[in-house]
């Protein structure tokens, strides 16, 4: 997987406790549906708490895995790896 670390817009649904669940995201004017969230992990990078979502979707007819990160302090999303 290649590291992108690109800011993205994400459509999510949230639990009552505020934990986000990504549904789809937009990058370069393309909207991609997240078909499955394989796992979710918490990590701390440079003092910032982040949620790492390991996901997979069918992109251009091929099943691909990718990782999204959500920074808890700033509420920003990024496409981490694809």
PDB file of N, CA and C in Angstrom:
ATOM      1  N   UNK A   1       0.839  -1.184   0.000  1.00  0.00           N
ATOM      2  CA  UNK A   1       0.000   0.000   0.000  1.00  0.00           C
ATOM      3  C   UNK A   1       0.882   1.246   0.000  1.00  0.00           C
ATOM      4  N   UNK A   2       0.409   2.262  -0.691  1.00  0.00           N
ATOM      5  CA  UNK A   2       1.120   3.530  -0.779  1.00  0.00           C
ATOM      6  C   UNK A   2       0.521   4.513   0.224  1.00  0.00           C
ATOM      7  N   UNK A   3       1.380   5.272   0.906  1.00  0.00           N
ATOM      8  CA  UNK A   3       0.912   6.273   1.869  1.00  0.00           C
ATOM      9  C   UNK A   3       0.569   7.557   1.135  1.00  0.00           C
ATOM     10  N   UNK A   4      -0.661   8.048   1.351  1.00  0.00           N
ATOM     11  CA  UNK A   4      -1.125   9.280   0.720  1.00  0.00           C
ATOM     12  C   UNK A   4      -1.208  10.439   1.708  1.00  0.00           C
ATOM     13  N   UNK A   5      -1.778  10.220   2.884  1.00  0.00           N
ATOM     14  CA  UNK A   5      -1.981  11.251   3.911  1.00  0.00           C
ATOM     15  C   UNK A   5      -2.653  12.496   3.320  1.00  0.00           C
ATOM     16  N   UNK A   6      -3.745  12.274   2.581  1.00  0.00           N
ATOM     17  CA  UNK A   6      -4.480  13.337   1.899  1.00  0.00           C
ATOM     18  C   UNK A   6      -5.773  13.655   2.647  1.00  0.00           C
ATOM     19  N   UNK A   7      -6.056  14.939   2.903  1.00  0.00           N
ATOM     20  CA  UNK A   7      -7.335  15.301   3.537  1.00  0.00           C
ATOM     21  C   UNK A   7      -8.510  14.939   2.627  1.00  0.00           C
ATOM     22  N   UNK A   8      -9.586  14.421   3.223  1.00  0.00           N
ATOM     23  CA  UNK A   8     -10.764  14.006   2.462  1.00  0.00           C
ATOM     24  C   UNK A   8     -12.031  14.427   3.204  1.00  0.00           C
ATOM     25  N   UNK A   9     -13.147  14.417   2.470  1.00  0.00           N
ATOM     26  CA  UNK A   9     -14.469  14.617   3.068  1.00  0.00           C
ATOM     27  C   UNK A   9     -15.098  13.247   3.250  1.00  0.00           C
ATOM     28  N   UNK A  10     -15.696  13.015   4.420  1.00  0.00           N
ATOM     29  CA  UNK A  10     -16.249  11.700   4.738  1.00  0.00           C
ATOM     30  C   UNK A  10     -17.676  11.853   5.250  1.00  0.00           C
ATOM     31  N   UNK A  11     -18.559  10.986   4.773  1.00  0.00           N
ATOM     32  CA  UNK A  11     -19.919  10.889   5.291  1.00  0.00           C
ATOM     33  C   UNK A  11     -19.902   9.782   6.333  1.00  0.00           C
ATOM     34  N   UNK A  12     -20.364  10.088   7.554  1.00  0.00           N
ATOM     35  CA  UNK A  12     -20.323   9.112   8.651  1.00  0.00           C
ATOM     36  C   UNK A  12     -21.673   9.035   9.346  1.00  0.00           C
ATOM     37  N   UNK A  13     -21.870   7.950  10.083  1.00  0.00           N
ATOM     38  CA  UNK A  13     -22.943   7.895  11.073  1.00  0.00           C
ATOM     39  C   UNK A  13     -22.255   7.717  12.412  1.00  0.00           C
ATOM     40  N   UNK A  14     -22.872   8.245  13.465  1.00  0.00           N
ATOM     41  CA  UNK A  14     -22.247   8.224  14.788  1.00  0.00           C
ATOM     42  C   UNK A  14     -23.113   7.481  15.790  1.00  0.00           C
ATOM     43  N   UNK A  15     -22.429   6.795  16.703  1.00  0.00           N
ATOM     44  CA  UNK A  15     -23.116   6.157  17.820  1.00  0.00           C
ATOM     45  C   UNK A  15     -23.494   7.243  18.829  1.00  0.00           C
ATOM     46  N   UNK A  16     -24.286   6.897  19.830  1.00  0.00           N
ATOM     47  CA  UNK A  16     -24.681   7.855  20.857  1.00  0.00           C
ATOM     48  C   UNK A  16     -23.484   8.392  21.634  1.00  0.00           C
ATOM     49  N   UNK A  17     -22.426   7.587  21.762  1.00  0.00           N
ATOM     50  CA  UNK A  17     -21.233   8.045  22.472  1.00  0.00           C
ATOM     51  C   UNK A  17     -20.317   8.900  21.591  1.00  0.00           C
ATOM     52  N   UNK A  18     -20.683   9.112  20.315  1.00  0.00           N
ATOM     53  CA  UNK A  18     -19.918   9.975  19.425  1.00  0.00           C
ATOM     54  C   UNK A  18     -18.926   9.266  18.525  1.00  0.00           C
ATOM     55  N   UNK A  19     -18.801   7.955  18.651  1.00  0.00           N
ATOM     56  CA  UNK A  19     -17.836   7.213  17.828  1.00  0.00           C
ATOM     57  C   UNK A  19     -18.307   7.182  16.369  1.00  0.00           C
ATOM     58  N   UNK A  20     -17.460   7.664  15.433  1.00  0.00           N
ATOM     59  CA  UNK A  20     -17.864   7.725  14.023  1.00  0.00           C
ATOM     60  C   UNK A  20     -17.710   6.393  13.301  1.00  0.00           C
ATOM     61  N   UNK A  21     -18.551   6.187  12.279  1.00  0.00           N
ATOM     62  CA  UNK A  21     -18.470   5.021  11.398  1.00  0.00           C
ATOM     63  C   UNK A  21     -18.549   5.537   9.956  1.00  0.00           C
ATOM     64  N   UNK A  22     -17.455   5.473   9.198  1.00  0.00           N
ATOM     65  CA  UNK A  22     -17.469   6.019   7.845  1.00  0.00           C
ATOM     66  C   UNK A  22     -18.352   5.207   6.896  1.00  0.00           C
ATOM     67  N   UNK A  23     -19.068   5.915   6.015  1.00  0.00           N
ATOM     68  CA  UNK A  23     -19.959   5.288   5.044  1.00  0.00           C
ATOM     69  C   UNK A  23     -19.412   5.452   3.623  1.00  0.00           C
ATOM     70  N   UNK A  24     -18.981   6.676   3.300  1.00  0.00           N
ATOM     71  CA  UNK A  24     -18.374   6.958   1.992  1.00  0.00           C
ATOM     72  C   UNK A  24     -17.473   8.167   2.123  1.00  0.00           C
ATOM     73  N   UNK A  25     -16.560   8.317   1.156  1.00  0.00           N
ATOM     74  CA  UNK A  25     -15.667   9.470   1.183  1.00  0.00           C
ATOM     75  C   UNK A  25     -15.464  10.014  -0.218  1.00  0.00           C
ATOM     76  N   UNK A  26     -15.000  11.262  -0.256  1.00  0.00           N
ATOM     77  CA  UNK A  26     -14.817  11.965  -1.520  1.00  0.00           C
ATOM     78  C   UNK A  26     -13.362  12.391  -1.643  1.00  0.00           C
ATOM     79  N   UNK A  27     -12.754  12.050  -2.793  1.00  0.00           N
ATOM     80  CA  UNK A  27     -11.382  12.445  -3.081  1.00  0.00           C
ATOM     81  C   UNK A  27     -11.276  12.733  -4.572  1.00  0.00           C
ATOM     82  N   UNK A  28     -10.667  13.863  -4.903  1.00  0.00           N
ATOM     83  CA  UNK A  28     -10.500  14.271  -6.312  1.00  0.00           C
ATOM     84  C   UNK A  28     -11.814  14.220  -7.079  1.00  0.00           C
ATOM     85  N   UNK A  29     -12.890  14.739  -6.491  1.00  0.00           N
ATOM     86  CA  UNK A  29     -14.223  14.772  -7.099  1.00  0.00           C
ATOM     87  C   UNK A  29     -14.793  13.394  -7.400  1.00  0.00           C
ATOM     88  N   UNK A  30     -14.236  12.334  -6.807  1.00  0.00           N
ATOM     89  CA  UNK A  30     -14.797  10.985  -6.917  1.00  0.00           C
ATOM     90  C   UNK A  30     -15.364  10.608  -5.568  1.00  0.00           C
ATOM     91  N   UNK A  31     -16.554  10.036  -5.573  1.00  0.00           N
ATOM     92  CA  UNK A  31     -17.168   9.580  -4.331  1.00  0.00           C
ATOM     93  C   UNK A  31     -17.095   8.066  -4.294  1.00  0.00           C
ATOM     94  N   UNK A  32     -16.516   7.512  -3.230  1.00  0.00           N
ATOM     95  CA  UNK A  32     -16.338   6.067  -3.095  1.00  0.00           C
ATOM     96  C   UNK A  32     -17.087   5.561  -1.871  1.00  0.00           C
ATOM     97  N   UNK A  33     -17.837   4.494  -2.054  1.00  0.00           N
ATOM     98  CA  UNK A  33     -18.581   3.874  -0.960  1.00  0.00           C
ATOM     99  C   UNK A  33     -17.662   2.922  -0.210  1.00  0.00           C
ATOM    100  N   UNK A  34     -17.732   2.955   1.115  1.00  0.00           N
ATOM    101  CA  UNK A  34     -16.963   2.031   1.949  1.00  0.00           C
ATOM    102  C   UNK A  34     -17.833   0.806   2.170  1.00  0.00           C
ATOM    103  N   UNK A  35     -17.447  -0.306   1.569  1.00  0.00           N
ATOM    104  CA  UNK A  35     -18.264  -1.514   1.645  1.00  0.00           C
ATOM    105  C   UNK A  35     -18.105  -2.252   2.961  1.00  0.00           C
ATOM    106  N   UNK A  36     -16.882  -2.225   3.530  1.00  0.00           N
ATOM    107  CA  UNK A  36     -16.661  -2.947   4.785  1.00  0.00           C
ATOM    108  C   UNK A  36     -15.556  -2.279   5.590  1.00  0.00           C
ATOM    109  N   UNK A  37     -15.808  -2.083   6.884  1.00  0.00           N
ATOM    110  CA  UNK A  37     -14.771  -1.647   7.811  1.00  0.00           C
ATOM    111  C   UNK A  37     -14.250  -2.920   8.474  1.00  0.00           C
ATOM    112  N   UNK A  38     -13.009  -3.266   8.187  1.00  0.00           N
ATOM    113  CA  UNK A  38     -12.417  -4.515   8.668  1.00  0.00           C
ATOM    114  C   UNK A  38     -12.041  -4.404  10.146  1.00  0.00           C
ATOM    115  N   UNK A  39     -11.417  -3.279  10.513  1.00  0.00           N
ATOM    116  CA  UNK A  39     -11.050  -3.084  11.915  1.00  0.00           C
ATOM    117  C   UNK A  39     -10.912  -1.597  12.220  1.00  0.00           C
ATOM    118  N   UNK A  40     -10.964  -1.279  13.505  1.00  0.00           N
ATOM    119  CA  UNK A  40     -10.789   0.086  13.990  1.00  0.00           C
ATOM    120  C   UNK A  40      -9.802   0.039  15.144  1.00  0.00           C
ATOM    121  N   UNK A  41      -8.810   0.935  15.106  1.00  0.00           N
ATOM    122  CA  UNK A  41      -7.800   0.997  16.158  1.00  0.00           C
ATOM    123  C   UNK A  41      -7.623   2.433  16.611  1.00  0.00           C
ATOM    124  N   UNK A  42      -7.243   2.601  17.877  1.00  0.00           N
ATOM    125  CA  UNK A  42      -6.878   3.925  18.383  1.00  0.00           C
ATOM    126  C   UNK A  42      -5.366   3.998  18.427  1.00  0.00           C
ATOM    127  N   UNK A  43      -4.819   5.161  18.054  1.00  0.00           N
ATOM    128  CA  UNK A  43      -3.379   5.345  18.122  1.00  0.00           C
ATOM    129  C   UNK A  43      -3.069   6.792  18.485  1.00  0.00           C
ATOM    130  N   UNK A  44      -1.882   6.998  19.035  1.00  0.00           N
ATOM    131  CA  UNK A  44      -1.460   8.334  19.423  1.00  0.00           C
ATOM    132  C   UNK A  44      -0.199   8.671  18.638  1.00  0.00           C
ATOM    133  N   UNK A  45      -0.286   9.707  17.795  1.00  0.00           N
ATOM    134  CA  UNK A  45       0.855  10.124  16.992  1.00  0.00           C
ATOM    135  C   UNK A  45       1.167  11.572  17.329  1.00  0.00           C
ATOM    136  N   UNK A  46       2.375  11.817  17.783  1.00  0.00           N
ATOM    137  CA  UNK A  46       2.836  13.168  18.149  1.00  0.00           C
ATOM    138  C   UNK A  46       1.868  13.843  19.120  1.00  0.00           C
ATOM    139  N   UNK A  47       1.326  13.096  20.048  1.00  0.00           N
ATOM    140  CA  UNK A  47       0.422  13.640  21.050  1.00  0.00           C
ATOM    141  C   UNK A  47      -1.020  13.775  20.604  1.00  0.00           C
ATOM    142  N   UNK A  48      -1.331  13.415  19.356  1.00  0.00           N
ATOM    143  CA  UNK A  48      -2.691  13.498  18.827  1.00  0.00           C
ATOM    144  C   UNK A  48      -3.325  12.117  18.783  1.00  0.00           C
ATOM    145  N   UNK A  49      -4.497  11.977  19.390  1.00  0.00           N
ATOM    146  CA  UNK A  49      -5.228  10.723  19.336  1.00  0.00           C
ATOM    147  C   UNK A  49      -5.942  10.603  17.998  1.00  0.00           C
ATOM    148  N   UNK A  50      -5.828   9.437  17.385  1.00  0.00           N
ATOM    149  CA  UNK A  50      -6.459   9.193  16.089  1.00  0.00           C
ATOM    150  C   UNK A  50      -7.145   7.844  16.089  1.00  0.00           C
ATOM    151  N   UNK A  51      -8.182   7.740  15.254  1.00  0.00           N
ATOM    152  CA  UNK A  51      -8.823   6.466  14.996  1.00  0.00           C
ATOM    153  C   UNK A  51      -8.376   6.021  13.613  1.00  0.00           C
ATOM    154  N   UNK A  52      -7.924   4.791  13.493  1.00  0.00           N
ATOM    155  CA  UNK A  52      -7.491   4.226  12.219  1.00  0.00           C
ATOM    156  C   UNK A  52      -8.534   3.205  11.783  1.00  0.00           C
ATOM    157  N   UNK A  53      -9.135   3.437  10.620  1.00  0.00           N
ATOM    158  CA  UNK A  53     -10.141   2.537  10.063  1.00  0.00           C
ATOM    159  C   UNK A  53      -9.525   1.790   8.896  1.00  0.00           C
ATOM    160  N   UNK A  54      -9.449   0.463   9.002  1.00  0.00           N
ATOM    161  CA  UNK A  54      -8.989  -0.364   7.894  1.00  0.00           C
ATOM    162  C   UNK A  54     -10.234  -0.837   7.154  1.00  0.00           C
ATOM    163  N   UNK A  55     -10.320  -0.477   5.873  1.00  0.00           N
ATOM    164  CA  UNK A  55     -11.545  -0.675   5.095  1.00  0.00           C
ATOM    165  C   UNK A  55     -11.249  -1.381   3.779  1.00  0.00           C
ATOM    166  N   UNK A  56     -12.324  -1.781   3.108  1.00  0.00           N
ATOM    167  CA  UNK A  56     -12.185  -2.294   1.755  1.00  0.00           C
ATOM    168  C   UNK A  56     -13.428  -1.945   0.945  1.00  0.00           C
ATOM    169  N   UNK A  57     -13.201  -1.753  -0.361  1.00  0.00           N
ATOM    170  CA  UNK A  57     -14.264  -1.418  -1.300  1.00  0.00           C
ATOM    171  C   UNK A  57     -13.877  -1.908  -2.680  1.00  0.00           C
ATOM    172  N   UNK A  58     -14.888  -1.998  -3.527  1.00  0.00           N
ATOM    173  CA  UNK A  58     -14.631  -2.330  -4.920  1.00  0.00           C
ATOM    174  C   UNK A  58     -14.378  -1.023  -5.666  1.00  0.00           C
ATOM    175  N   UNK A  59     -13.173  -0.886  -6.206  1.00  0.00           N
ATOM    176  CA  UNK A  59     -12.776   0.321  -6.929  1.00  0.00           C
ATOM    177  C   UNK A  59     -12.333  -0.098  -8.324  1.00  0.00           C
ATOM    178  N   UNK A  60     -13.017   0.430  -9.337  1.00  0.00           N
ATOM    179  CA  UNK A  60     -12.736   0.077 -10.739  1.00  0.00           C
ATOM    180  C   UNK A  60     -12.796  -1.437 -10.966  1.00  0.00           C
ATOM    181  N   UNK A  61     -13.781  -2.091 -10.357  1.00  0.00           N
ATOM    182  CA  UNK A  61     -13.980  -3.517 -10.541  1.00  0.00           C
ATOM    183  C   UNK A  61     -13.018  -4.402  -9.772  1.00  0.00           C
ATOM    184  N   UNK A  62     -12.223  -3.822  -8.890  1.00  0.00           N
ATOM    185  CA  UNK A  62     -11.219  -4.572  -8.132  1.00  0.00           C
ATOM    186  C   UNK A  62     -11.417  -4.315  -6.644  1.00  0.00           C
ATOM    187  N   UNK A  63     -11.389  -5.372  -5.824  1.00  0.00           N
ATOM    188  CA  UNK A  63     -11.537  -5.235  -4.373  1.00  0.00           C
ATOM    189  C   UNK A  63     -10.222  -4.705  -3.810  1.00  0.00           C
ATOM    190  N   UNK A  64     -10.266  -3.502  -3.201  1.00  0.00           N
ATOM    191  CA  UNK A  64      -9.053  -2.861  -2.705  1.00  0.00           C
ATOM    192  C   UNK A  64      -9.198  -2.515  -1.235  1.00  0.00           C
ATOM    193  N   UNK A  65      -8.095  -2.624  -0.515  1.00  0.00           N
ATOM    194  CA  UNK A  65      -8.047  -2.234   0.893  1.00  0.00           C
ATOM    195  C   UNK A  65      -7.423  -0.859   1.008  1.00  0.00           C
ATOM    196  N   UNK A  66      -7.859  -0.113   2.026  1.00  0.00           N
ATOM    197  CA  UNK A  66      -7.310   1.209   2.276  1.00  0.00           C
ATOM    198  C   UNK A  66      -7.509   1.544   3.742  1.00  0.00           C
ATOM    199  N   UNK A  67      -6.831   2.596   4.188  1.00  0.00           N
ATOM    200  CA  UNK A  67      -6.911   3.023   5.576  1.00  0.00           C
ATOM    201  C   UNK A  67      -7.286   4.493   5.643  1.00  0.00           C
ATOM    202  N   UNK A  68      -8.234   4.803   6.521  1.00  0.00           N
ATOM    203  CA  UNK A  68      -8.657   6.170   6.785  1.00  0.00           C
ATOM    204  C   UNK A  68      -8.285   6.507   8.223  1.00  0.00           C
ATOM    205  N   UNK A  69      -7.855   7.744   8.444  1.00  0.00           N
ATOM    206  CA  UNK A  69      -7.553   8.197   9.800  1.00  0.00           C
ATOM    207  C   UNK A  69      -8.450   9.374  10.141  1.00  0.00           C
ATOM    208  N   UNK A  70      -8.899   9.380  11.394  1.00  0.00           N
ATOM    209  CA  UNK A  70      -9.731  10.455  11.927  1.00  0.00           C
ATOM    210  C   UNK A  70      -9.027  11.039  13.142  1.00  0.00           C
ATOM    211  N   UNK A  71      -8.674  12.319  13.076  1.00  0.00           N
ATOM    212  CA  UNK A  71      -8.001  12.974  14.186  1.00  0.00           C
ATOM    213  C   UNK A  71      -9.055  13.501  15.161  1.00  0.00           C
ATOM    214  N   UNK A  72      -9.038  13.005  16.379  1.00  0.00           N
ATOM    215  CA  UNK A  72     -10.075  13.315  17.363  1.00  0.00           C
ATOM    216  C   UNK A  72     -10.081  14.778  17.797  1.00  0.00           C
ATOM    217  N   UNK A  73      -8.933  15.414  17.933  1.00  0.00           N
ATOM    218  CA  UNK A  73      -8.882  16.810  18.404  1.00  0.00           C
ATOM    219  C   UNK A  73      -9.403  17.798  17.377  1.00  0.00           C
ATOM    220  N   UNK A  74      -9.110  17.574  16.097  1.00  0.00           N
ATOM    221  CA  UNK A  74      -9.488  18.538  15.057  1.00  0.00           C
ATOM    222  C   UNK A  74     -10.672  18.076  14.218  1.00  0.00           C
ATOM    223  N   UNK A  75     -11.123  16.841  14.402  1.00  0.00           N
ATOM    224  CA  UNK A  75     -12.243  16.267  13.643  1.00  0.00           C
ATOM    225  C   UNK A  75     -11.947  16.240  12.136  1.00  0.00           C
ATOM    226  N   UNK A  76     -10.709  15.984  11.758  1.00  0.00           N
ATOM    227  CA  UNK A  76     -10.322  15.933  10.354  1.00  0.00           C
ATOM    228  C   UNK A  76     -10.083  14.490   9.924  1.00  0.00           C
ATOM    229  N   UNK A  77     -10.445  14.210   8.672  1.00  0.00           N
ATOM    230  CA  UNK A  77     -10.264  12.888   8.085  1.00  0.00           C
ATOM    231  C   UNK A  77      -9.157  12.929   7.046  1.00  0.00           C
ATOM    232  N   UNK A  78      -8.446  11.812   6.885  1.00  0.00           N
ATOM    233  CA  UNK A  78      -7.473  11.709   5.807  1.00  0.00           C
ATOM    234  C   UNK A  78      -7.415  10.284   5.275  1.00  0.00           C
ATOM    235  N   UNK A  79      -7.158  10.201   3.980  1.00  0.00           N
ATOM    236  CA  UNK A  79      -6.887   8.906   3.351  1.00  0.00           C
ATOM    237  C   UNK A  79      -5.429   8.620   3.653  1.00  0.00           C
ATOM    238  N   UNK A  80      -5.162   7.623   4.470  1.00  0.00           N
ATOM    239  CA  UNK A  80      -3.808   7.347   4.924  1.00  0.00           C
ATOM    240  C   UNK A  80      -3.069   6.455   3.934  1.00  0.00           C
ATOM    241  N   UNK A  81      -3.631   5.280   3.637  1.00  0.00           N
ATOM    242  CA  UNK A  81      -2.974   4.338   2.716  1.00  0.00           C
ATOM    243  C   UNK A  81      -3.999   3.783   1.746  1.00  0.00           C
ATOM    244  N   UNK A  82      -3.518   3.449   0.562  1.00  0.00           N
ATOM    245  CA  UNK A  82      -4.367   2.789  -0.423  1.00  0.00           C
ATOM    246  C   UNK A  82      -3.490   1.922  -1.310  1.00  0.00           C
TER     247      UNK A  82
END
